[in-house]
Amino acid sequence: MAQKKKAAHRTNPALVLLIAALVIFLGIELIQVGQRLSEARQQQAALERQLQMQTQENQALESDLAKKDDEEFIKDLARDQLGLAEEGERIFYDVND
């Protein structure tokens, strides 16, 4: 009877090294992708805040534009922003601020 040789299942060390290097490489890439994703989320949040502020400013400007024919509104703007006064009107400035 012929003896059957038992084939020893040996792992190729080069293959193990290749797989280990691949796992390390993929792990590093995964960490870097996670960091870039975190940075992108922070940037998105900042841009959303900026968009909200811009939207509010646009609404305020549209509201002011809608009042462009209102004489009282124009007078208030002249008083507040330009420091103008009507004839006989006095303007007092608070110097304590």
Foldseek 3Di string as FASTA:
>chain_A
DDDDDDDDDDDDPVVVVVVVVVVVVVVVVVVVVVVVVVVVVVVVVVVVVVVVVVVVVVVVVVVLVVCPVPPVSVQVCCCVPVVDDDPPDDDDDDPPD
